Amino acid sequence: MSTTKAETDNTTEQGGQVDLNDIRQRAASQTEDLIERPLDSVHAVEYDDEARQWRTLVDVVERRSIPDTQDILGVYRIDFDDRGNAMSFERLRRYRRGDRISFTH
């Protein structure tokens, strides 16, 4: 018996567990509501076994500029519990789109 993606997603939701792709999608869809800035990208998703939570890093556009290499972006960490509910967010740093930065966290 095969299952569709929608059926798999519903099973995952009902079981109270989410996977990496679910969290990436949640981070992407909830960023603008939580941070009130437009999402630029989701660039990290990881699960912390010890804390039993998901951590994501997203870039948001804090100020648009011309040329766009001068846009000011904010790197935010958004934490989700193991059921996929957003628990907290925090801005870690700001940078110009054209700058080279390290994304270690």
PDB file of N, CA and C in Angstrom:
ATOM      1  N   MET A   1       0.843  -1.180   0.000  1.00  0.00           N
ATOM      2  CA  MET A   1       0.000   0.000   0.000  1.00  0.00           C
ATOM      3  C   MET A   1       0.888   1.243   0.000  1.00  0.00           C
ATOM      4  N   SER A   2       0.670   2.152  -0.926  1.00  0.00           N
ATOM      5  CA  SER A   2       1.470   3.371  -0.998  1.00  0.00           C
ATOM      6  C   SER A   2       0.731   4.509  -0.306  1.00  0.00           C
ATOM      7  N   THR A   3       1.509   5.484   0.145  1.00  0.00           N
ATOM      8  CA  THR A   3       0.914   6.656   0.781  1.00  0.00           C
ATOM      9  C   THR A   3       1.340   7.892   0.028  1.00  0.00           C
ATOM     10  N   THR A   4       0.477   8.865   0.020  1.00  0.00           N
ATOM     11  CA  THR A   4       0.807  10.126  -0.626  1.00  0.00           C
ATOM     12  C   THR A   4       1.553  11.002   0.362  1.00  0.00           C
ATOM     13  N   LYS A   5       2.173  12.072  -0.153  1.00  0.00           N
ATOM     14  CA  LYS A   5       2.880  13.011   0.717  1.00  0.00           C
ATOM     15  C   LYS A   5       1.926  13.596   1.746  1.00  0.00           C
ATOM     16  N   ALA A   6       0.704  13.930   1.332  1.00  0.00           N
ATOM     17  CA  ALA A   6      -0.275  14.502   2.254  1.00  0.00           C
ATOM     18  C   ALA A   6      -0.609  13.516   3.369  1.00  0.00           C
ATOM     19  N   GLU A   7      -0.772  12.239   3.017  1.00  0.00           N
ATOM     20  CA  GLU A   7      -1.060  11.229   4.033  1.00  0.00           C
ATOM     21  C   GLU A   7       0.113  11.079   4.994  1.00  0.00           C
ATOM     22  N   THR A   8       1.326  11.091   4.450  1.00  0.00           N
ATOM     23  CA  THR A   8       2.521  10.988   5.280  1.00  0.00           C
ATOM     24  C   THR A   8       2.613  12.182   6.219  1.00  0.00           C
ATOM     25  N   ASP A   9       2.347  13.385   5.698  1.00  0.00           N
ATOM     26  CA  ASP A   9       2.396  14.585   6.529  1.00  0.00           C
ATOM     27  C   ASP A   9       1.372  14.508   7.645  1.00  0.00           C
ATOM     28  N   ASN A  10       0.139  14.037   7.314  1.00  0.00           N
ATOM     29  CA  ASN A  10      -0.891  13.928   8.337  1.00  0.00           C
ATOM     30  C   ASN A  10      -0.495  12.917   9.402  1.00  0.00           C
ATOM     31  N   THR A  11       0.075  11.800   8.993  1.00  0.00           N
ATOM     32  CA  THR A  11       0.518  10.795   9.946  1.00  0.00           C
ATOM     33  C   THR A  11       1.589  11.376  10.846  1.00  0.00           C
ATOM     34  N   THR A  12       2.531  12.098  10.251  1.00  0.00           N
ATOM     35  CA  THR A  12       3.589  12.730  11.031  1.00  0.00           C
ATOM     36  C   THR A  12       2.994  13.703  12.033  1.00  0.00           C
ATOM     37  N   GLU A  13       2.033  14.517  11.591  1.00  0.00           N
ATOM     38  CA  GLU A  13       1.408  15.496  12.472  1.00  0.00           C
ATOM     39  C   GLU A  13       0.658  14.800  13.603  1.00  0.00           C
ATOM     40  N   GLN A  14      -0.110  13.764  13.268  1.00  0.00           N
ATOM     41  CA  GLN A  14      -0.906  13.088  14.278  1.00  0.00           C
ATOM     42  C   GLN A  14      -0.018  12.382  15.293  1.00  0.00           C
ATOM     43  N   GLY A  15       1.129  11.875  14.859  1.00  0.00           N
ATOM     44  CA  GLY A  15       2.040  11.183  15.754  1.00  0.00           C
ATOM     45  C   GLY A  15       2.818  12.145  16.629  1.00  0.00           C
ATOM     46  N   GLY A  16       2.688  13.443  16.386  1.00  0.00           N
ATOM     47  CA  GLY A  16       3.358  14.419  17.212  1.00  0.00           C
ATOM     48  C   GLY A  16       4.808  14.619  16.856  1.00  0.00           C
ATOM     49  N   GLN A  17       5.254  14.058  15.748  1.00  0.00           N
ATOM     50  CA  GLN A  17       6.650  14.204  15.361  1.00  0.00           C
ATOM     51  C   GLN A  17       6.719  14.878  14.007  1.00  0.00           C
ATOM     52  N   VAL A  18       7.745  15.686  13.846  1.00  0.00           N
ATOM     53  CA  VAL A  18       7.974  16.364  12.584  1.00  0.00           C
ATOM     54  C   VAL A  18       9.376  16.030  12.108  1.00  0.00           C
ATOM     55  N   ASP A  19       9.599  16.173  10.811  1.00  0.00           N
ATOM     56  CA  ASP A  19      10.923  15.891  10.270  1.00  0.00           C
ATOM     57  C   ASP A  19      11.589  17.180   9.807  1.00  0.00           C
ATOM     58  N   LEU A  20      12.785  17.031   9.314  1.00  0.00           N
ATOM     59  CA  LEU A  20      13.603  18.168   8.897  1.00  0.00           C
ATOM     60  C   LEU A  20      12.885  19.054   7.892  1.00  0.00           C
ATOM     61  N   ASN A  21      12.263  18.449   6.886  1.00  0.00           N
ATOM     62  CA  ASN A  21      11.574  19.232   5.860  1.00  0.00           C
ATOM     63  C   ASN A  21      10.366  19.968   6.440  1.00  0.00           C
ATOM     64  N   ASP A  22       9.633  19.322   7.360  1.00  0.00           N
ATOM     65  CA  ASP A  22       8.505  19.995   8.013  1.00  0.00           C
ATOM     66  C   ASP A  22       8.973  21.261   8.725  1.00  0.00           C
ATOM     67  N   ILE A  23      10.071  21.153   9.452  1.00  0.00           N
ATOM     68  CA  ILE A  23      10.579  22.299  10.201  1.00  0.00           C
ATOM     69  C   ILE A  23      11.072  23.393   9.259  1.00  0.00           C
ATOM     70  N   ARG A  24      11.751  23.007   8.168  1.00  0.00           N
ATOM     71  CA  ARG A  24      12.185  24.009   7.186  1.00  0.00           C
ATOM     72  C   ARG A  24      10.985  24.770   6.638  1.00  0.00           C
ATOM     73  N   GLN A  25       9.940  24.052   6.307  1.00  0.00           N
ATOM     74  CA  GLN A  25       8.737  24.695   5.775  1.00  0.00           C
ATOM     75  C   GLN A  25       8.066  25.587   6.817  1.00  0.00           C
ATOM     76  N   ARG A  26       8.027  25.125   8.052  1.00  0.00           N
ATOM     77  CA  ARG A  26       7.434  25.946   9.119  1.00  0.00           C
ATOM     78  C   ARG A  26       8.242  27.213   9.347  1.00  0.00           C
ATOM     79  N   ALA A  27       9.567  27.088   9.356  1.00  0.00           N
ATOM     80  CA  ALA A  27      10.418  28.271   9.527  1.00  0.00           C
ATOM     81  C   ALA A  27      10.158  29.266   8.404  1.00  0.00           C
ATOM     82  N   ALA A  28      10.084  28.759   7.176  1.00  0.00           N
ATOM     83  CA  ALA A  28       9.850  29.637   6.025  1.00  0.00           C
ATOM     84  C   ALA A  28       8.487  30.313   6.109  1.00  0.00           C
ATOM     85  N   SER A  29       7.468  29.562   6.484  1.00  0.00           N
ATOM     86  CA  SER A  29       6.121  30.134   6.485  1.00  0.00           C
ATOM     87  C   SER A  29       5.844  31.029   7.696  1.00  0.00           C
ATOM     88  N   GLN A  30       6.515  30.803   8.818  1.00  0.00           N
ATOM     89  CA  GLN A  30       6.220  31.567  10.030  1.00  0.00           C
ATOM     90  C   GLN A  30       7.148  32.755  10.270  1.00  0.00           C
ATOM     91  N   THR A  31       8.239  32.841   9.533  1.00  0.00           N
ATOM     92  CA  THR A  31       9.211  33.902   9.771  1.00  0.00           C
ATOM     93  C   THR A  31       8.600  35.293   9.669  1.00  0.00           C
ATOM     94  N   GLU A  32       7.875  35.556   8.598  1.00  0.00           N
ATOM     95  CA  GLU A  32       7.340  36.903   8.413  1.00  0.00           C
ATOM     96  C   GLU A  32       6.356  37.275   9.513  1.00  0.00           C
ATOM     97  N   ASP A  33       5.561  36.317   9.993  1.00  0.00           N
ATOM     98  CA  ASP A  33       4.621  36.598  11.079  1.00  0.00           C
ATOM     99  C   ASP A  33       5.346  36.848  12.392  1.00  0.00           C
ATOM    100  N   LEU A  34       6.354  36.031  12.681  1.00  0.00           N
ATOM    101  CA  LEU A  34       7.074  36.154  13.949  1.00  0.00           C
ATOM    102  C   LEU A  34       7.947  37.404  14.004  1.00  0.00           C
ATOM    103  N   ILE A  35       8.693  37.636  12.928  1.00  0.00           N
ATOM    104  CA  ILE A  35       9.714  38.680  12.940  1.00  0.00           C
ATOM    105  C   ILE A  35       9.226  39.975  12.284  1.00  0.00           C
ATOM    106  N   GLU A  36       8.157  39.881  11.532  1.00  0.00           N
ATOM    107  CA  GLU A  36       7.557  41.020  10.846  1.00  0.00           C
ATOM    108  C   GLU A  36       8.499  41.658   9.831  1.00  0.00           C
ATOM    109  N   ARG A  37       9.264  40.801   9.175  1.00  0.00           N
ATOM    110  CA  ARG A  37      10.160  41.202   8.094  1.00  0.00           C
ATOM    111  C   ARG A  37      10.085  40.113   7.028  1.00  0.00           C
ATOM    112  N   PRO A  38      10.371  40.449   5.755  1.00  0.00           N
ATOM    113  CA  PRO A  38      10.295  39.436   4.691  1.00  0.00           C
ATOM    114  C   PRO A  38      11.449  38.428   4.777  1.00  0.00           C
ATOM    115  N   LEU A  39      11.123  37.163   4.587  1.00  0.00           N
ATOM    116  CA  LEU A  39      12.104  36.082   4.581  1.00  0.00           C
ATOM    117  C   LEU A  39      12.995  36.189   3.348  1.00  0.00           C
ATOM    118  N   ASP A  40      14.291  36.015   3.529  1.00  0.00           N
ATOM    119  CA  ASP A  40      15.223  35.913   2.408  1.00  0.00           C
ATOM    120  C   ASP A  40      15.582  34.452   2.166  1.00  0.00           C
ATOM    121  N   SER A  41      15.926  33.720   3.240  1.00  0.00           N
ATOM    122  CA  SER A  41      16.259  32.296   3.080  1.00  0.00           C
ATOM    123  C   SER A  41      16.268  31.587   4.430  1.00  0.00           C
ATOM    124  N   VAL A  42      16.108  30.266   4.344  1.00  0.00           N
ATOM    125  CA  VAL A  42      16.331  29.391   5.494  1.00  0.00           C
ATOM    126  C   VAL A  42      17.649  28.715   5.195  1.00  0.00           C
ATOM    127  N   HIS A  43      18.657  28.904   6.034  1.00  0.00           N
ATOM    128  CA  HIS A  43      19.939  28.316   5.679  1.00  0.00           C
ATOM    129  C   HIS A  43      20.468  27.288   6.664  1.00  0.00           C
ATOM    130  N   ALA A  44      19.727  26.975   7.719  1.00  0.00           N
ATOM    131  CA  ALA A  44      20.152  25.887   8.600  1.00  0.00           C
ATOM    132  C   ALA A  44      18.950  25.357   9.369  1.00  0.00           C
ATOM    133  N   VAL A  45      18.907  24.033   9.499  1.00  0.00           N
ATOM    134  CA  VAL A  45      17.906  23.349  10.319  1.00  0.00           C
ATOM    135  C   VAL A  45      18.624  22.207  11.001  1.00  0.00           C
ATOM    136  N   GLU A  46      18.499  22.138  12.327  1.00  0.00           N
ATOM    137  CA  GLU A  46      19.122  21.028  13.044  1.00  0.00           C
ATOM    138  C   GLU A  46      18.276  20.657  14.248  1.00  0.00           C
ATOM    139  N   TYR A  47      18.381  19.401  14.644  1.00  0.00           N
ATOM    140  CA  TYR A  47      17.678  18.919  15.820  1.00  0.00           C
ATOM    141  C   TYR A  47      18.667  18.757  16.964  1.00  0.00           C
ATOM    142  N   ASP A  48      18.329  19.292  18.119  1.00  0.00           N
ATOM    143  CA  ASP A  48      19.156  19.170  19.322  1.00  0.00           C
ATOM    144  C   ASP A  48      18.532  18.081  20.194  1.00  0.00           C
ATOM    145  N   ASP A  49      19.174  16.908  20.215  1.00  0.00           N
ATOM    146  CA  ASP A  49      18.647  15.777  20.986  1.00  0.00           C
ATOM    147  C   ASP A  49      18.539  16.091  22.470  1.00  0.00           C
ATOM    148  N   GLU A  50      19.532  16.774  22.982  1.00  0.00           N
ATOM    149  CA  GLU A  50      19.569  17.074  24.410  1.00  0.00           C
ATOM    150  C   GLU A  50      18.405  17.977  24.825  1.00  0.00           C
ATOM    151  N   ALA A  51      18.187  19.034  24.055  1.00  0.00           N
ATOM    152  CA  ALA A  51      17.119  19.993  24.365  1.00  0.00           C
ATOM    153  C   ALA A  51      15.767  19.542  23.812  1.00  0.00           C
ATOM    154  N   ARG A  52      15.787  18.530  22.964  1.00  0.00           N
ATOM    155  CA  ARG A  52      14.576  18.035  22.297  1.00  0.00           C
ATOM    156  C   ARG A  52      13.837  19.152  21.567  1.00  0.00           C
ATOM    157  N   GLN A  53      14.613  19.882  20.757  1.00  0.00           N
ATOM    158  CA  GLN A  53      14.022  20.954  19.967  1.00  0.00           C
ATOM    159  C   GLN A  53      14.775  21.124  18.654  1.00  0.00           C
ATOM    160  N   TRP A  54      14.100  21.755  17.711  1.00  0.00           N
ATOM    161  CA  TRP A  54      14.668  22.089  16.416  1.00  0.00           C
ATOM    162  C   TRP A  54      15.174  23.518  16.466  1.00  0.00           C
ATOM    163  N   ARG A  55      16.324  23.747  15.854  1.00  0.00           N
ATOM    164  CA  ARG A  55      16.873  25.103  15.727  1.00  0.00           C
ATOM    165  C   ARG A  55      17.015  25.411  14.247  1.00  0.00           C
ATOM    166  N   THR A  56      16.544  26.569  13.869  1.00  0.00           N
ATOM    167  CA  THR A  56      16.669  26.993  12.477  1.00  0.00           C
ATOM    168  C   THR A  56      17.358  28.348  12.439  1.00  0.00           C
ATOM    169  N   LEU A  57      18.064  28.602  11.354  1.00  0.00           N
ATOM    170  CA  LEU A  57      18.634  29.922  11.087  1.00  0.00           C
ATOM    171  C   LEU A  57      18.002  30.440   9.810  1.00  0.00           C
ATOM    172  N   VAL A  58      17.465  31.640   9.884  1.00  0.00           N
ATOM    173  CA  VAL A  58      16.837  32.254   8.718  1.00  0.00           C
ATOM    174  C   VAL A  58      17.427  33.644   8.513  1.00  0.00           C
ATOM    175  N   ASP A  59      17.432  34.067   7.264  1.00  0.00           N
ATOM    176  CA  ASP A  59      17.813  35.439   6.919  1.00  0.00           C
ATOM    177  C   ASP A  59      16.543  36.200   6.599  1.00  0.00           C
ATOM    178  N   VAL A  60      16.425  37.400   7.135  1.00  0.00           N
ATOM    179  CA  VAL A  60      15.312  38.269   6.790  1.00  0.00           C
ATOM    180  C   VAL A  60      15.875  39.589   6.281  1.00  0.00           C
ATOM    181  N   VAL A  61      15.124  40.231   5.410  1.00  0.00           N
ATOM    182  CA  VAL A  61      15.533  41.529   4.879  1.00  0.00           C
ATOM    183  C   VAL A  61      15.069  42.592   5.862  1.00  0.00           C
ATOM    184  N   GLU A  62      16.023  43.249   6.487  1.00  0.00           N
ATOM    185  CA  GLU A  62      15.685  44.302   7.448  1.00  0.00           C
ATOM    186  C   GLU A  62      15.630  45.677   6.790  1.00  0.00           C
ATOM    187  N   ARG A  63      16.390  45.848   5.704  1.00  0.00           N
ATOM    188  CA  ARG A  63      16.334  47.107   4.948  1.00  0.00           C
ATOM    189  C   ARG A  63      16.737  46.831   3.515  1.00  0.00           C
ATOM    190  N   ARG A  64      15.881  47.201   2.582  1.00  0.00           N
ATOM    191  CA  ARG A  64      16.201  47.053   1.159  1.00  0.00           C
ATOM    192  C   ARG A  64      16.999  48.257   0.688  1.00  0.00           C
ATOM    193  N   SER A  65      17.942  48.003  -0.220  1.00  0.00           N
ATOM    194  CA  SER A  65      18.780  49.071  -0.758  1.00  0.00           C
ATOM    195  C   SER A  65      18.989  48.860  -2.247  1.00  0.00           C
ATOM    196  N   ILE A  66      19.469  49.887  -2.901  1.00  0.00           N
ATOM    197  CA  ILE A  66      19.876  49.799  -4.300  1.00  0.00           C
ATOM    198  C   ILE A  66      21.333  50.204  -4.336  1.00  0.00           C
ATOM    199  N   PRO A  67      22.213  49.346  -4.803  1.00  0.00           N
ATOM    200  CA  PRO A  67      21.993  47.994  -5.307  1.00  0.00           C
ATOM    201  C   PRO A  67      21.674  47.028  -4.159  1.00  0.00           C
ATOM    202  N   ASP A  68      21.100  45.868  -4.517  1.00  0.00           N
ATOM    203  CA  ASP A  68      20.674  44.935  -3.477  1.00  0.00           C
ATOM    204  C   ASP A  68      21.831  44.343  -2.671  1.00  0.00           C
ATOM    205  N   THR A  69      23.065  44.469  -3.151  1.00  0.00           N
ATOM    206  CA  THR A  69      24.210  44.004  -2.363  1.00  0.00           C
ATOM    207  C   THR A  69      24.372  44.817  -1.087  1.00  0.00           C
ATOM    208  N   GLN A  70      23.669  45.949  -1.007  1.00  0.00           N
ATOM    209  CA  GLN A  70      23.720  46.778   0.196  1.00  0.00           C
ATOM    210  C   GLN A  70      22.517  46.557   1.119  1.00  0.00           C
ATOM    211  N   ASP A  71      21.630  45.606   0.766  1.00  0.00           N
ATOM    212  CA  ASP A  71      20.528  45.248   1.659  1.00  0.00           C
ATOM    213  C   ASP A  71      21.091  44.871   3.023  1.00  0.00           C
ATOM    214  N   ILE A  72      20.374  45.217   4.069  1.00  0.00           N
ATOM    215  CA  ILE A  72      20.749  44.792   5.417  1.00  0.00           C
ATOM    216  C   ILE A  72      19.900  43.577   5.760  1.00  0.00           C
ATOM    217  N   LEU A  73      20.578  42.465   6.060  1.00  0.00           N
ATOM    218  CA  LEU A  73      19.902  41.223   6.421  1.00  0.00           C
ATOM    219  C   LEU A  73      20.139  40.929   7.894  1.00  0.00           C
ATOM    220  N   GLY A  74      19.167  40.314   8.503  1.00  0.00           N
ATOM    221  CA  GLY A  74      19.305  39.845   9.876  1.00  0.00           C
ATOM    222  C   GLY A  74      19.300  38.329   9.885  1.00  0.00           C
ATOM    223  N   VAL A  75      20.189  37.745  10.665  1.00  0.00           N
ATOM    224  CA  VAL A  75      20.205  36.295  10.864  1.00  0.00           C
ATOM    225  C   VAL A  75      19.477  36.032  12.175  1.00  0.00           C
ATOM    226  N   TYR A  76      18.406  35.252  12.097  1.00  0.00           N
ATOM    227  CA  TYR A  76      17.606  34.928  13.270  1.00  0.00           C
ATOM    228  C   TYR A  76      17.634  33.426  13.512  1.00  0.00           C
ATOM    229  N   ARG A  77      17.644  33.070  14.784  1.00  0.00           N
ATOM    230  CA  ARG A  77      17.456  31.676  15.162  1.00  0.00           C
ATOM    231  C   ARG A  77      16.016  31.545  15.630  1.00  0.00           C
ATOM    232  N   ILE A  78      15.302  30.580  15.076  1.00  0.00           N
ATOM    233  CA  ILE A  78      13.939  30.273  15.508  1.00  0.00           C
ATOM    234  C   ILE A  78      13.968  28.844  16.026  1.00  0.00           C
ATOM    235  N   ASP A  79      13.523  28.654  17.267  1.00  0.00           N
ATOM    236  CA  ASP A  79      13.487  27.330  17.880  1.00  0.00           C
ATOM    237  C   ASP A  79      12.070  26.783  17.850  1.00  0.00           C
ATOM    238  N   PHE A  80      11.963  25.491  17.546  1.00  0.00           N
ATOM    239  CA  PHE A  80      10.686  24.781  17.511  1.00  0.00           C
ATOM    240  C   PHE A  80      10.773  23.593  18.455  1.00  0.00           C
ATOM    241  N   ASP A  81       9.663  23.272  19.122  1.00  0.00           N
ATOM    242  CA  ASP A  81       9.674  22.073  19.949  1.00  0.00           C
ATOM    243  C   ASP A  81       9.600  20.840  19.048  1.00  0.00           C
ATOM    244  N   ASP A  82       9.643  19.655  19.634  1.00  0.00           N
ATOM    245  CA  ASP A  82       9.691  18.442  18.816  1.00  0.00           C
ATOM    246  C   ASP A  82       8.357  18.113  18.146  1.00  0.00           C
ATOM    247  N   ARG A  83       7.348  18.932  18.383  1.00  0.00           N
ATOM    248  CA  ARG A  83       6.070  18.795  17.673  1.00  0.00           C
ATOM    249  C   ARG A  83       5.938  19.834  16.561  1.00  0.00           C
ATOM    250  N   GLY A  84       6.918  20.727  16.460  1.00  0.00           N
ATOM    251  CA  GLY A  84       6.922  21.720  15.395  1.00  0.00           C
ATOM    252  C   GLY A  84       6.322  23.055  15.755  1.00  0.00           C
ATOM    253  N   ASN A  85       6.099  23.308  17.040  1.00  0.00           N
ATOM    254  CA  ASN A  85       5.557  24.596  17.475  1.00  0.00           C
ATOM    255  C   ASN A  85       6.695  25.574  17.729  1.00  0.00           C
ATOM    256  N   ALA A  86       6.577  26.781  17.186  1.00  0.00           N
ATOM    257  CA  ALA A  86       7.595  27.806  17.421  1.00  0.00           C
ATOM    258  C   ALA A  86       7.610  28.155  18.903  1.00  0.00           C
ATOM    259  N   MET A  87       8.819  28.177  19.482  1.00  0.00           N
ATOM    260  CA  MET A  87       8.961  28.462  20.914  1.00  0.00           C
ATOM    261  C   MET A  87       9.644  29.791  21.169  1.00  0.00           C
ATOM    262  N   SER A  88      10.622  30.139  20.327  1.00  0.00           N
ATOM    263  CA  SER A  88      11.352  31.383  20.545  1.00  0.00           C
ATOM    264  C   SER A  88      12.078  31.787  19.271  1.00  0.00           C
ATOM    265  N   PHE A  89      12.441  33.065  19.212  1.00  0.00           N
ATOM    266  CA  PHE A  89      13.311  33.535  18.145  1.00  0.00           C
ATOM    267  C   PHE A  89      14.217  34.607  18.692  1.00  0.00           C
ATOM    268  N   GLU A  90      15.362  34.757  18.029  1.00  0.00           N
ATOM    269  CA  GLU A  90      16.358  35.723  18.478  1.00  0.00           C
ATOM    270  C   GLU A  90      17.196  36.163  17.283  1.00  0.00           C
ATOM    271  N   ARG A  91      17.443  37.481  17.189  1.00  0.00           N
ATOM    272  CA  ARG A  91      18.350  37.952  16.139  1.00  0.00           C
ATOM    273  C   ARG A  91      19.773  37.736  16.632  1.00  0.00           C
ATOM    274  N   LEU A  92      20.573  37.080  15.803  1.00  0.00           N
ATOM    275  CA  LEU A  92      21.956  36.784  16.162  1.00  0.00           C
ATOM    276  C   LEU A  92      22.920  37.829  15.633  1.00  0.00           C
ATOM    277  N   ARG A  93      22.646  38.349  14.455  1.00  0.00           N
ATOM    278  CA  ARG A  93      23.537  39.360  13.873  1.00  0.00           C
ATOM    279  C   ARG A  93      22.853  40.013  12.679  1.00  0.00           C
ATOM    280  N   ARG A  94      23.452  41.112  12.230  1.00  0.00           N
ATOM    281  CA  ARG A  94      23.022  41.798  11.009  1.00  0.00           C
ATOM    282  C   ARG A  94      24.236  41.920  10.100  1.00  0.00           C
ATOM    283  N   TYR A  95      23.987  41.953   8.800  1.00  0.00           N
ATOM    284  CA  TYR A  95      25.085  42.112   7.846  1.00  0.00           C
ATOM    285  C   TYR A  95      24.553  42.642   6.523  1.00  0.00           C
ATOM    286  N   ARG A  96      25.463  43.203   5.725  1.00  0.00           N
ATOM    287  CA  ARG A  96      25.112  43.620   4.364  1.00  0.00           C
ATOM    288  C   ARG A  96      25.163  42.392   3.470  1.00  0.00           C
ATOM    289  N   ARG A  97      24.215  42.298   2.561  1.00  0.00           N
ATOM    290  CA  ARG A  97      24.136  41.140   1.672  1.00  0.00           C
ATOM    291  C   ARG A  97      25.481  40.866   0.982  1.00  0.00           C
ATOM    292  N   GLY A  98      26.212  41.895   0.623  1.00  0.00           N
ATOM    293  CA  GLY A  98      27.471  41.718  -0.094  1.00  0.00           C
ATOM    294  C   GLY A  98      28.658  41.356   0.781  1.00  0.00           C
ATOM    295  N   ASP A  99      28.504  41.381   2.108  1.00  0.00           N
ATOM    296  CA  ASP A  99      29.608  41.062   3.023  1.00  0.00           C
ATOM    297  C   ASP A  99      29.804  39.553   3.127  1.00  0.00           C
ATOM    298  N   ARG A 100      31.027  39.159   3.415  1.00  0.00           N
ATOM    299  CA  ARG A 100      31.304  37.756   3.699  1.00  0.00           C
ATOM    300  C   ARG A 100      31.156  37.559   5.190  1.00  0.00           C
ATOM    301  N   ILE A 101      30.327  36.578   5.576  1.00  0.00           N
ATOM    302  CA  ILE A 101      30.167  36.299   6.988  1.00  0.00           C
ATOM    303  C   ILE A 101      30.225  34.792   7.230  1.00  0.00           C
ATOM    304  N   SER A 102      30.462  34.429   8.456  1.00  0.00           N
ATOM    305  CA  SER A 102      30.465  33.027   8.849  1.00  0.00           C
ATOM    306  C   SER A 102      29.140  32.716   9.534  1.00  0.00           C
ATOM    307  N   PHE A 103      28.566  31.563   9.239  1.00  0.00           N
ATOM    308  CA  PHE A 103      27.277  31.199   9.803  1.00  0.00           C
ATOM    309  C   PHE A 103      27.411  30.181  10.916  1.00  0.00           C
ATOM    310  N   THR A 104      28.523  30.134  11.606  1.00  0.00           N
ATOM    311  CA  THR A 104      28.643  29.194  12.720  1.00  0.00           C
ATOM    312  C   THR A 104      27.722  29.659  13.842  1.00  0.00           C
ATOM    313  N   HIS A 105      27.170  28.720  14.538  1.00  0.00           N
ATOM    314  CA  HIS A 105      26.235  29.050  15.631  1.00  0.00           C
ATOM    315  C   HIS A 105      26.439  28.152  16.806  1.00  0.00           C
TER     316      HIS A 105
END
